[in-house]
């Protein structure tokens, strides 16, 4: 009974984080903000959903696969978002006007 409530809470929170990631794609002003928000929210959302799956089924094989997917996601999502943002910055994708460009300032000082 408690496991069902935990799985339900994780499912709802994971769904909420994925909804926030979708809203972030629509509402945030530039590619860099979108990449940051969606990576964080989507990683947490999928992690919560996979934890809910592991709790719901309670099987060792399902739990092992869910943990492996979460570990892979935690290792690859931030790295891929960083690489995409870095490539976009180097290609000259415009920043939001209110963004402080610390990389350009560091290049000017060097």
PDB file of N, CA and C in Angstrom:
ATOM      1  N   UNK A   1       0.820  -1.184   0.000  1.00  0.00           N
ATOM      2  CA  UNK A   1       0.000   0.000   0.000  1.00  0.00           C
ATOM      3  C   UNK A   1       0.872   1.258   0.000  1.00  0.00           C
ATOM      4  N   UNK A   2       1.902   1.274   0.850  1.00  0.00           N
ATOM      5  CA  UNK A   2       2.793   2.435   0.898  1.00  0.00           C
ATOM      6  C   UNK A   2       3.587   2.532  -0.402  1.00  0.00           C
ATOM      7  N   UNK A   3       3.983   1.387  -0.951  1.00  0.00           N
ATOM      8  CA  UNK A   3       4.739   1.392  -2.205  1.00  0.00           C
ATOM      9  C   UNK A   3       3.900   1.988  -3.332  1.00  0.00           C
ATOM     10  N   UNK A   4       2.604   1.717  -3.335  1.00  0.00           N
ATOM     11  CA  UNK A   4       1.735   2.278  -4.371  1.00  0.00           C
ATOM     12  C   UNK A   4       1.656   3.792  -4.257  1.00  0.00           C
ATOM     13  N   UNK A   5       1.580   4.299  -3.041  1.00  0.00           N
ATOM     14  CA  UNK A   5       1.528   5.744  -2.844  1.00  0.00           C
ATOM     15  C   UNK A   5       2.861   6.403  -3.216  1.00  0.00           C
ATOM     16  N   UNK A   6       3.955   5.750  -2.904  1.00  0.00           N
ATOM     17  CA  UNK A   6       5.265   6.274  -3.295  1.00  0.00           C
ATOM     18  C   UNK A   6       5.403   6.299  -4.820  1.00  0.00           C
ATOM     19  N   UNK A   7       4.980   5.227  -5.464  1.00  0.00           N
ATOM     20  CA  UNK A   7       5.034   5.176  -6.930  1.00  0.00           C
ATOM     21  C   UNK A   7       4.136   6.245  -7.536  1.00  0.00           C
ATOM     22  N   UNK A   8       2.963   6.458  -6.953  1.00  0.00           N
ATOM     23  CA  UNK A   8       2.058   7.488  -7.449  1.00  0.00           C
ATOM     24  C   UNK A   8       2.668   8.879  -7.281  1.00  0.00           C
ATOM     25  N   UNK A   9       3.264   9.136  -6.115  1.00  0.00           N
ATOM     26  CA  UNK A   9       3.889  10.440  -5.870  1.00  0.00           C
ATOM     27  C   UNK A   9       5.047  10.678  -6.837  1.00  0.00           C
ATOM     28  N   UNK A  10       5.865   9.655  -7.073  1.00  0.00           N
ATOM     29  CA  UNK A  10       6.975   9.798  -8.012  1.00  0.00           C
ATOM     30  C   UNK A  10       6.480   9.982  -9.442  1.00  0.00           C
ATOM     31  N   UNK A  11       5.421   9.295  -9.802  1.00  0.00           N
ATOM     32  CA  UNK A  11       4.850   9.457 -11.141  1.00  0.00           C
ATOM     33  C   UNK A  11       4.330  10.871 -11.342  1.00  0.00           C
ATOM     34  N   UNK A  12       3.602  11.382 -10.361  1.00  0.00           N
ATOM     35  CA  UNK A  12       3.067  12.736 -10.474  1.00  0.00           C
ATOM     36  C   UNK A  12       4.172  13.787 -10.489  1.00  0.00           C
ATOM     37  N   UNK A  13       5.181  13.610  -9.649  1.00  0.00           N
ATOM     38  CA  UNK A  13       6.267  14.587  -9.641  1.00  0.00           C
ATOM     39  C   UNK A  13       7.091  14.499 -10.929  1.00  0.00           C
ATOM     40  N   UNK A  14       7.319  13.313 -11.425  1.00  0.00           N
ATOM     41  CA  UNK A  14       8.035  13.165 -12.697  1.00  0.00           C
ATOM     42  C   UNK A  14       7.282  13.790 -13.851  1.00  0.00           C
ATOM     43  N   UNK A  15       5.972  13.593 -13.856  1.00  0.00           N
ATOM     44  CA  UNK A  15       5.146  14.201 -14.894  1.00  0.00           C
ATOM     45  C   UNK A  15       5.174  15.721 -14.786  1.00  0.00           C
ATOM     46  N   UNK A  16       5.142  16.237 -13.570  1.00  0.00           N
ATOM     47  CA  UNK A  16       5.198  17.685 -13.375  1.00  0.00           C
ATOM     48  C   UNK A  16       6.530  18.254 -13.869  1.00  0.00           C
ATOM     49  N   UNK A  17       7.624  17.565 -13.585  1.00  0.00           N
ATOM     50  CA  UNK A  17       8.926  18.046 -14.061  1.00  0.00           C
ATOM     51  C   UNK A  17       9.014  18.004 -15.584  1.00  0.00           C
ATOM     52  N   UNK A  18       8.453  16.974 -16.192  1.00  0.00           N
ATOM     53  CA  UNK A  18       8.460  16.917 -17.650  1.00  0.00           C
ATOM     54  C   UNK A  18       7.581  18.010 -18.249  1.00  0.00           C
ATOM     55  N   UNK A  19       6.475  18.324 -17.580  1.00  0.00           N
ATOM     56  CA  UNK A  19       5.632  19.437 -18.024  1.00  0.00           C
ATOM     57  C   UNK A  19       6.406  20.750 -17.928  1.00  0.00           C
ATOM     58  N   UNK A  20       7.146  20.942 -16.835  1.00  0.00           N
ATOM     59  CA  UNK A  20       7.968  22.148 -16.691  1.00  0.00           C
ATOM     60  C   UNK A  20       9.044  22.222 -17.774  1.00  0.00           C
ATOM     61  N   UNK A  21       9.599  21.101 -18.141  1.00  0.00           N
ATOM     62  CA  UNK A  21      10.591  21.091 -19.218  1.00  0.00           C
ATOM     63  C   UNK A  21       9.951  21.525 -20.535  1.00  0.00           C
ATOM     64  N   UNK A  22       8.749  21.042 -20.789  1.00  0.00           N
ATOM     65  CA  UNK A  22       8.044  21.452 -22.006  1.00  0.00           C
ATOM     66  C   UNK A  22       7.698  22.925 -22.000  1.00  0.00           C
ATOM     67  N   UNK A  23       7.276  23.432 -20.863  1.00  0.00           N
ATOM     68  CA  UNK A  23       6.976  24.858 -20.749  1.00  0.00           C
ATOM     69  C   UNK A  23       8.259  25.673 -20.908  1.00  0.00           C
ATOM     70  N   UNK A  24       9.367  25.164 -20.378  1.00  0.00           N
ATOM     71  CA  UNK A  24      10.646  25.851 -20.529  1.00  0.00           C
ATOM     72  C   UNK A  24      11.064  25.997 -21.979  1.00  0.00           C
ATOM     73  N   UNK A  25      10.785  24.987 -22.786  1.00  0.00           N
ATOM     74  CA  UNK A  25      11.107  25.074 -24.208  1.00  0.00           C
ATOM     75  C   UNK A  25      10.312  26.189 -24.865  1.00  0.00           C
ATOM     76  N   UNK A  26       9.067  26.336 -24.477  1.00  0.00           N
ATOM     77  CA  UNK A  26       8.215  27.347 -25.085  1.00  0.00           C
ATOM     78  C   UNK A  26       8.467  28.754 -24.559  1.00  0.00           C
ATOM     79  N   UNK A  27       8.784  28.893 -23.279  1.00  0.00           N
ATOM     80  CA  UNK A  27       8.789  30.212 -22.652  1.00  0.00           C
ATOM     81  C   UNK A  27      10.154  30.870 -22.493  1.00  0.00           C
ATOM     82  N   UNK A  28      11.215  30.112 -22.420  1.00  0.00           N
ATOM     83  CA  UNK A  28      12.520  30.714 -22.169  1.00  0.00           C
ATOM     84  C   UNK A  28      13.051  31.404 -23.428  1.00  0.00           C
ATOM     85  N   UNK A  29      13.847  32.474 -23.248  1.00  0.00           N
ATOM     86  CA  UNK A  29      14.139  33.360 -24.367  1.00  0.00           C
ATOM     87  C   UNK A  29      15.189  32.882 -25.368  1.00  0.00           C
ATOM     88  N   UNK A  30      16.184  32.123 -24.954  1.00  0.00           N
ATOM     89  CA  UNK A  30      17.214  31.746 -25.910  1.00  0.00           C
ATOM     90  C   UNK A  30      17.580  30.274 -25.775  1.00  0.00           C
ATOM     91  N   UNK A  31      18.371  29.816 -26.714  1.00  0.00           N
ATOM     92  CA  UNK A  31      18.740  28.402 -26.777  1.00  0.00           C
ATOM     93  C   UNK A  31      19.462  27.940 -25.518  1.00  0.00           C
ATOM     94  N   UNK A  32      20.281  28.789 -24.946  1.00  0.00           N
ATOM     95  CA  UNK A  32      21.089  28.392 -23.800  1.00  0.00           C
ATOM     96  C   UNK A  32      20.234  28.196 -22.553  1.00  0.00           C
ATOM     97  N   UNK A  33      19.273  29.070 -22.342  1.00  0.00           N
ATOM     98  CA  UNK A  33      18.352  28.912 -21.213  1.00  0.00           C
ATOM     99  C   UNK A  33      17.476  27.682 -21.400  1.00  0.00           C
ATOM    100  N   UNK A  34      17.019  27.484 -22.620  1.00  0.00           N
ATOM    101  CA  UNK A  34      16.180  26.313 -22.905  1.00  0.00           C
ATOM    102  C   UNK A  34      16.943  25.022 -22.676  1.00  0.00           C
ATOM    103  N   UNK A  35      18.169  24.972 -23.135  1.00  0.00           N
ATOM    104  CA  UNK A  35      18.974  23.755 -22.960  1.00  0.00           C
ATOM    105  C   UNK A  35      19.210  23.465 -21.487  1.00  0.00           C
ATOM    106  N   UNK A  36      19.485  24.482 -20.713  1.00  0.00           N
ATOM    107  CA  UNK A  36      19.737  24.291 -19.287  1.00  0.00           C
ATOM    108  C   UNK A  36      18.484  23.798 -18.567  1.00  0.00           C
ATOM    109  N   UNK A  37      17.385  24.482 -18.789  1.00  0.00           N
ATOM    110  CA  UNK A  37      16.150  24.131 -18.081  1.00  0.00           C
ATOM    111  C   UNK A  37      15.619  22.763 -18.489  1.00  0.00           C
ATOM    112  N   UNK A  38      15.627  22.499 -19.773  1.00  0.00           N
ATOM    113  CA  UNK A  38      15.079  21.217 -20.206  1.00  0.00           C
ATOM    114  C   UNK A  38      15.949  20.050 -19.781  1.00  0.00           C
ATOM    115  N   UNK A  39      17.259  20.236 -19.777  1.00  0.00           N
ATOM    116  CA  UNK A  39      18.132  19.152 -19.346  1.00  0.00           C
ATOM    117  C   UNK A  39      17.897  18.824 -17.879  1.00  0.00           C
ATOM    118  N   UNK A  40      17.835  19.852 -17.045  1.00  0.00           N
ATOM    119  CA  UNK A  40      17.636  19.612 -15.615  1.00  0.00           C
ATOM    120  C   UNK A  40      16.251  19.034 -15.329  1.00  0.00           C
ATOM    121  N   UNK A  41      15.219  19.649 -15.871  1.00  0.00           N
ATOM    122  CA  UNK A  41      13.862  19.205 -15.574  1.00  0.00           C
ATOM    123  C   UNK A  41      13.563  17.838 -16.188  1.00  0.00           C
ATOM    124  N   UNK A  42      13.995  17.628 -17.407  1.00  0.00           N
ATOM    125  CA  UNK A  42      13.717  16.340 -18.053  1.00  0.00           C
ATOM    126  C   UNK A  42      14.481  15.206 -17.393  1.00  0.00           C
ATOM    127  N   UNK A  43      15.718  15.446 -16.983  1.00  0.00           N
ATOM    128  CA  UNK A  43      16.492  14.413 -16.300  1.00  0.00           C
ATOM    129  C   UNK A  43      15.829  14.029 -14.988  1.00  0.00           C
ATOM    130  N   UNK A  44      15.411  15.028 -14.223  1.00  0.00           N
ATOM    131  CA  UNK A  44      14.739  14.750 -12.955  1.00  0.00           C
ATOM    132  C   UNK A  44      13.388  14.082 -13.192  1.00  0.00           C
ATOM    133  N   UNK A  45      12.647  14.519 -14.204  1.00  0.00           N
ATOM    134  CA  UNK A  45      11.349  13.933 -14.498  1.00  0.00           C
ATOM    135  C   UNK A  45      11.440  12.470 -14.899  1.00  0.00           C
ATOM    136  N   UNK A  46      12.355  12.167 -15.797  1.00  0.00           N
ATOM    137  CA  UNK A  46      12.517  10.775 -16.234  1.00  0.00           C
ATOM    138  C   UNK A  46      13.053   9.927 -15.087  1.00  0.00           C
ATOM    139  N   UNK A  47      13.938  10.495 -14.275  1.00  0.00           N
ATOM    140  CA  UNK A  47      14.442   9.765 -13.112  1.00  0.00           C
ATOM    141  C   UNK A  47      13.326   9.407 -12.143  1.00  0.00           C
ATOM    142  N   UNK A  48      12.421  10.352 -11.898  1.00  0.00           N
ATOM    143  CA  UNK A  48      11.278  10.076 -11.012  1.00  0.00           C
ATOM    144  C   UNK A  48      10.366   9.005 -11.601  1.00  0.00           C
ATOM    145  N   UNK A  49      10.108   9.083 -12.904  1.00  0.00           N
ATOM    146  CA  UNK A  49       9.256   8.075 -13.534  1.00  0.00           C
ATOM    147  C   UNK A  49       9.890   6.687 -13.501  1.00  0.00           C
ATOM    148  N   UNK A  50      11.186   6.612 -13.700  1.00  0.00           N
ATOM    149  CA  UNK A  50      11.850   5.312 -13.635  1.00  0.00           C
ATOM    150  C   UNK A  50      11.908   4.776 -12.207  1.00  0.00           C
ATOM    151  N   UNK A  51      12.053   5.667 -11.229  1.00  0.00           N
ATOM    152  CA  UNK A  51      12.002   5.229  -9.836  1.00  0.00           C
ATOM    153  C   UNK A  51      10.614   4.708  -9.497  1.00  0.00           C
ATOM    154  N   UNK A  52       9.589   5.377 -10.007  1.00  0.00           N
ATOM    155  CA  UNK A  52       8.214   4.900  -9.795  1.00  0.00           C
ATOM    156  C   UNK A  52       8.006   3.534 -10.436  1.00  0.00           C
ATOM    157  N   UNK A  53       8.587   3.331 -11.612  1.00  0.00           N
ATOM    158  CA  UNK A  53       8.478   2.038 -12.283  1.00  0.00           C
ATOM    159  C   UNK A  53       9.154   0.945 -11.462  1.00  0.00           C
ATOM    160  N   UNK A  54      10.336   1.252 -10.938  1.00  0.00           N
ATOM    161  CA  UNK A  54      11.062   0.264 -10.128  1.00  0.00           C
ATOM    162  C   UNK A  54      10.283  -0.085  -8.864  1.00  0.00           C
ATOM    163  N   UNK A  55       9.691   0.912  -8.230  1.00  0.00           N
ATOM    164  CA  UNK A  55       8.912   0.654  -7.013  1.00  0.00           C
ATOM    165  C   UNK A  55       7.641  -0.122  -7.332  1.00  0.00           C
ATOM    166  N   UNK A  56       6.986   0.249  -8.404  1.00  0.00           N
ATOM    167  CA  UNK A  56       5.719  -0.405  -8.753  1.00  0.00           C
ATOM    168  C   UNK A  56       5.910  -1.892  -9.050  1.00  0.00           C
ATOM    169  N   UNK A  57       6.911  -2.221  -9.839  1.00  0.00           N
ATOM    170  CA  UNK A  57       7.101  -3.621 -10.195  1.00  0.00           C
ATOM    171  C   UNK A  57       7.835  -4.405  -9.116  1.00  0.00           C
ATOM    172  N   UNK A  58       8.767  -3.784  -8.422  1.00  0.00           N
ATOM    173  CA  UNK A  58       9.444  -4.444  -7.315  1.00  0.00           C
ATOM    174  C   UNK A  58      10.278  -5.648  -7.697  1.00  0.00           C
ATOM    175  N   UNK A  59      10.579  -5.782  -8.955  1.00  0.00           N
ATOM    176  CA  UNK A  59      11.368  -6.900  -9.458  1.00  0.00           C
ATOM    177  C   UNK A  59      12.829  -6.465  -9.582  1.00  0.00           C
ATOM    178  N   UNK A  60      13.753  -7.354  -9.295  1.00  0.00           N
ATOM    179  CA  UNK A  60      15.170  -7.015  -9.339  1.00  0.00           C
ATOM    180  C   UNK A  60      15.615  -6.628 -10.749  1.00  0.00           C
ATOM    181  N   UNK A  61      15.122  -7.341 -11.742  1.00  0.00           N
ATOM    182  CA  UNK A  61      15.506  -7.029 -13.125  1.00  0.00           C
ATOM    183  C   UNK A  61      15.009  -5.654 -13.546  1.00  0.00           C
ATOM    184  N   UNK A  62      13.780  -5.325 -13.219  1.00  0.00           N
ATOM    185  CA  UNK A  62      13.219  -4.025 -13.572  1.00  0.00           C
ATOM    186  C   UNK A  62      13.952  -2.920 -12.828  1.00  0.00           C
ATOM    187  N   UNK A  63      14.222  -3.129 -11.552  1.00  0.00           N
ATOM    188  CA  UNK A  63      14.931  -2.129 -10.754  1.00  0.00           C
ATOM    189  C   UNK A  63      16.349  -1.909 -11.274  1.00  0.00           C
ATOM    190  N   UNK A  64      17.032  -2.985 -11.641  1.00  0.00           N
ATOM    191  CA  UNK A  64      18.386  -2.868 -12.180  1.00  0.00           C
ATOM    192  C   UNK A  64      18.392  -2.097 -13.487  1.00  0.00           C
ATOM    193  N   UNK A  65      17.443  -2.399 -14.359  1.00  0.00           N
ATOM    194  CA  UNK A  65      17.362  -1.681 -15.633  1.00  0.00           C
ATOM    195  C   UNK A  65      17.018  -0.213 -15.416  1.00  0.00           C
ATOM    196  N   UNK A  66      16.102   0.068 -14.506  1.00  0.00           N
ATOM    197  CA  UNK A  66      15.729   1.458 -14.225  1.00  0.00           C
ATOM    198  C   UNK A  66      16.912   2.239 -13.672  1.00  0.00           C
ATOM    199  N   UNK A  67      17.654   1.632 -12.760  1.00  0.00           N
ATOM    200  CA  UNK A  67      18.827   2.306 -12.204  1.00  0.00           C
ATOM    201  C   UNK A  67      19.911   2.512 -13.261  1.00  0.00           C
ATOM    202  N   UNK A  68      20.074   1.547 -14.144  1.00  0.00           N
ATOM    203  CA  UNK A  68      21.067   1.690 -15.218  1.00  0.00           C
ATOM    204  C   UNK A  68      20.676   2.821 -16.165  1.00  0.00           C
ATOM    205  N   UNK A  69      19.397   2.923 -16.477  1.00  0.00           N
ATOM    206  CA  UNK A  69      18.931   4.001 -17.360  1.00  0.00           C
ATOM    207  C   UNK A  69      19.114   5.356 -16.689  1.00  0.00           C
ATOM    208  N   UNK A  70      18.790   5.444 -15.404  1.00  0.00           N
ATOM    209  CA  UNK A  70      18.957   6.708 -14.673  1.00  0.00           C
ATOM    210  C   UNK A  70      20.433   7.097 -14.620  1.00  0.00           C
ATOM    211  N   UNK A  71      21.295   6.152 -14.356  1.00  0.00           N
ATOM    212  CA  UNK A  71      22.737   6.447 -14.316  1.00  0.00           C
ATOM    213  C   UNK A  71      23.231   6.917 -15.678  1.00  0.00           C
ATOM    214  N   UNK A  72      22.822   6.246 -16.731  1.00  0.00           N
ATOM    215  CA  UNK A  72      23.216   6.641 -18.080  1.00  0.00           C
ATOM    216  C   UNK A  72      22.694   8.035 -18.411  1.00  0.00           C
ATOM    217  N   UNK A  73      21.466   8.309 -18.029  1.00  0.00           N
ATOM    218  CA  UNK A  73      20.865   9.613 -18.288  1.00  0.00           C
ATOM    219  C   UNK A  73      21.578  10.714 -17.510  1.00  0.00           C
ATOM    220  N   UNK A  74      21.914  10.454 -16.264  1.00  0.00           N
ATOM    221  CA  UNK A  74      22.617  11.450 -15.451  1.00  0.00           C
ATOM    222  C   UNK A  74      24.027  11.728 -15.976  1.00  0.00           C
ATOM    223  N   UNK A  75      24.632  10.744 -16.616  1.00  0.00           N
ATOM    224  CA  UNK A  75      25.969  10.931 -17.166  1.00  0.00           C
ATOM    225  C   UNK A  75      25.956  11.604 -18.536  1.00  0.00           C
ATOM    226  N   UNK A  76      24.948  11.336 -19.340  1.00  0.00           N
ATOM    227  CA  UNK A  76      24.986  11.805 -20.724  1.00  0.00           C
ATOM    228  C   UNK A  76      24.206  13.091 -20.982  1.00  0.00           C
ATOM    229  N   UNK A  77      23.105  13.325 -20.305  1.00  0.00           N
ATOM    230  CA  UNK A  77      22.275  14.492 -20.598  1.00  0.00           C
ATOM    231  C   UNK A  77      22.998  15.817 -20.341  1.00  0.00           C
ATOM    232  N   UNK A  78      23.642  16.012 -19.199  1.00  0.00           N
ATOM    233  CA  UNK A  78      24.343  17.288 -19.008  1.00  0.00           C
ATOM    234  C   UNK A  78      25.505  17.491 -19.977  1.00  0.00           C
ATOM    235  N   UNK A  79      26.208  16.428 -20.289  1.00  0.00           N
ATOM    236  CA  UNK A  79      27.342  16.536 -21.208  1.00  0.00           C
ATOM    237  C   UNK A  79      26.854  16.902 -22.606  1.00  0.00           C
ATOM    238  N   UNK A  80      25.795  16.255 -23.055  1.00  0.00           N
ATOM    239  CA  UNK A  80      25.287  16.556 -24.394  1.00  0.00           C
ATOM    240  C   UNK A  80      24.709  17.963 -24.465  1.00  0.00           C
ATOM    241  N   UNK A  81      24.021  18.416 -23.428  1.00  0.00           N
ATOM    242  CA  UNK A  81      23.497  19.784 -23.422  1.00  0.00           C
ATOM    243  C   UNK A  81      24.636  20.797 -23.424  1.00  0.00           C
ATOM    244  N   UNK A  82      25.689  20.514 -22.673  1.00  0.00           N
ATOM    245  CA  UNK A  82      26.844  21.409 -22.662  1.00  0.00           C
ATOM    246  C   UNK A  82      27.503  21.480 -24.037  1.00  0.00           C
ATOM    247  N   UNK A  83      27.665  20.346 -24.671  1.00  0.00           N
ATOM    248  CA  UNK A  83      28.302  20.329 -25.986  1.00  0.00           C
ATOM    249  C   UNK A  83      27.459  21.043 -27.039  1.00  0.00           C
ATOM    250  N   UNK A  84      26.141  20.868 -26.982  1.00  0.00           N
ATOM    251  CA  UNK A  84      25.262  21.568 -27.922  1.00  0.00           C
ATOM    252  C   UNK A  84      25.313  23.080 -27.696  1.00  0.00           C
ATOM    253  N   UNK A  85      25.291  23.497 -26.431  1.00  0.00           N
ATOM    254  CA  UNK A  85      25.351  24.928 -26.130  1.00  0.00           C
ATOM    255  C   UNK A  85      26.703  25.505 -26.531  1.00  0.00           C
ATOM    256  N   UNK A  86      27.749  24.747 -26.329  1.00  0.00           N
ATOM    257  CA  UNK A  86      29.087  25.222 -26.709  1.00  0.00           C
ATOM    258  C   UNK A  86      29.211  25.381 -28.220  1.00  0.00           C
ATOM    259  N   UNK A  87      28.676  24.418 -28.958  1.00  0.00           N
ATOM    260  CA  UNK A  87      28.696  24.518 -30.418  1.00  0.00           C
ATOM    261  C   UNK A  87      27.849  25.692 -30.900  1.00  0.00           C
ATOM    262  N   UNK A  88      26.712  25.905 -30.260  1.00  0.00           N
ATOM    263  CA  UNK A  88      25.862  27.027 -30.638  1.00  0.00           C
ATOM    264  C   UNK A  88      26.542  28.358 -30.342  1.00  0.00           C
ATOM    265  N   UNK A  89      27.235  28.449 -29.213  1.00  0.00           N
ATOM    266  CA  UNK A  89      27.953  29.678 -28.865  1.00  0.00           C
ATOM    267  C   UNK A  89      29.050  29.964 -29.883  1.00  0.00           C
ATOM    268  N   UNK A  90      29.767  28.929 -30.258  1.00  0.00           N
ATOM    269  CA  UNK A  90      30.854  29.113 -31.229  1.00  0.00           C
ATOM    270  C   UNK A  90      30.339  29.471 -32.615  1.00  0.00           C
ATOM    271  N   UNK A  91      29.128  29.040 -32.938  1.00  0.00           N
ATOM    272  CA  UNK A  91      28.528  29.384 -34.227  1.00  0.00           C
ATOM    273  C   UNK A  91      27.917  30.780 -34.227  1.00  0.00           C
ATOM    274  N   UNK A  92      27.858  31.400 -33.044  1.00  0.00           N
ATOM    275  CA  UNK A  92      27.352  32.765 -32.966  1.00  0.00           C
ATOM    276  C   UNK A  92      25.858  32.882 -32.757  1.00  0.00           C
ATOM    277  N   UNK A  93      25.237  31.872 -32.179  1.00  0.00           N
ATOM    278  CA  UNK A  93      23.813  31.960 -31.869  1.00  0.00           C
ATOM    279  C   UNK A  93      23.619  33.094 -30.869  1.00  0.00           C
ATOM    280  N   UNK A  94      22.690  34.019 -31.155  1.00  0.00           N
ATOM    281  CA  UNK A  94      22.567  35.191 -30.282  1.00  0.00           C
ATOM    282  C   UNK A  94      22.066  34.841 -28.879  1.00  0.00           C
ATOM    283  N   UNK A  95      22.620  35.563 -27.908  1.00  0.00           N
ATOM    284  CA  UNK A  95      22.195  35.433 -26.522  1.00  0.00           C
ATOM    285  C   UNK A  95      21.007  36.351 -26.269  1.00  0.00           C
ATOM    286  N   UNK A  96      20.270  36.049 -25.216  1.00  0.00           N
ATOM    287  CA  UNK A  96      19.216  36.945 -24.761  1.00  0.00           C
ATOM    288  C   UNK A  96      19.864  38.264 -24.353  1.00  0.00           C
ATOM    289  N   UNK A  97      19.268  39.412 -24.683  1.00  0.00           N
ATOM    290  CA  UNK A  97      19.914  40.698 -24.386  1.00  0.00           C
ATOM    291  C   UNK A  97      20.283  40.905 -22.915  1.00  0.00           C
ATOM    292  N   UNK A  98      19.571  40.305 -21.991  1.00  0.00           N
ATOM    293  CA  UNK A  98      19.882  40.477 -20.582  1.00  0.00           C
ATOM    294  C   UNK A  98      20.962  39.547 -20.060  1.00  0.00           C
ATOM    295  N   UNK A  99      21.513  38.697 -20.907  1.00  0.00           N
ATOM    296  CA  UNK A  99      22.513  37.718 -20.486  1.00  0.00           C
ATOM    297  C   UNK A  99      23.897  38.349 -20.435  1.00  0.00           C
ATOM    298  N   UNK A 100      24.615  38.087 -19.371  1.00  0.00           N
ATOM    299  CA  UNK A 100      25.993  38.559 -19.248  1.00  0.00           C
ATOM    300  C   UNK A 100      26.896  37.521 -19.903  1.00  0.00           C
ATOM    301  N   UNK A 101      27.605  37.933 -20.921  1.00  0.00           N
ATOM    302  CA  UNK A 101      28.469  37.027 -21.675  1.00  0.00           C
ATOM    303  C   UNK A 101      29.863  37.012 -21.045  1.00  0.00           C
ATOM    304  N   UNK A 102      30.073  36.100 -20.121  1.00  0.00           N
ATOM    305  CA  UNK A 102      31.349  36.021 -19.418  1.00  0.00           C
ATOM    306  C   UNK A 102      32.454  35.438 -20.287  1.00  0.00           C
ATOM    307  N   UNK A 103      32.106  34.635 -21.262  1.00  0.00           N
ATOM    308  CA  UNK A 103      33.126  34.072 -22.143  1.00  0.00           C
ATOM    309  C   UNK A 103      33.748  35.150 -23.031  1.00  0.00           C
ATOM    310  N   UNK A 104      32.931  36.064 -23.541  1.00  0.00           N
ATOM    311  CA  UNK A 104      33.451  37.152 -24.353  1.00  0.00           C
ATOM    312  C   UNK A 104      34.317  38.086 -23.510  1.00  0.00           C
ATOM    313  N   UNK A 105      33.915  38.307 -22.259  1.00  0.00           N
ATOM    314  CA  UNK A 105      34.709  39.159 -21.368  1.00  0.00           C
ATOM    315  C   UNK A 105      36.064  38.505 -21.069  1.00  0.00           C
ATOM    316  N   UNK A 106      36.077  37.195 -20.897  1.00  0.00           N
ATOM    317  CA  UNK A 106      37.338  36.491 -20.620  1.00  0.00           C
ATOM    318  C   UNK A 106      38.251  36.544 -21.836  1.00  0.00           C
ATOM    319  N   UNK A 107      37.686  36.460 -23.035  1.00  0.00           N
ATOM    320  CA  UNK A 107      38.502  36.550 -24.262  1.00  0.00           C
ATOM    321  C   UNK A 107      39.071  37.957 -24.441  1.00  0.00           C
ATOM    322  N   UNK A 108      38.307  38.990 -24.059  1.00  0.00           N
ATOM    323  CA  UNK A 108      38.765  40.366 -24.168  1.00  0.00           C
ATOM    324  C   UNK A 108      39.928  40.641 -23.224  1.00  0.00           C
ATOM    325  N   UNK A 109      39.902  40.029 -22.041  1.00  0.00           N
ATOM    326  CA  UNK A 109      40.936  40.261 -21.047  1.00  0.00           C
ATOM    327  C   UNK A 109      42.225  39.507 -21.368  1.00  0.00           C
ATOM    328  N   UNK A 110      42.112  38.449 -22.119  1.00  0.00           N
ATOM    329  CA  UNK A 110      43.288  37.624 -22.433  1.00  0.00           C
ATOM    330  C   UNK A 110      44.148  38.231 -23.500  1.00  0.00           C
TER     331      UNK A 110
END
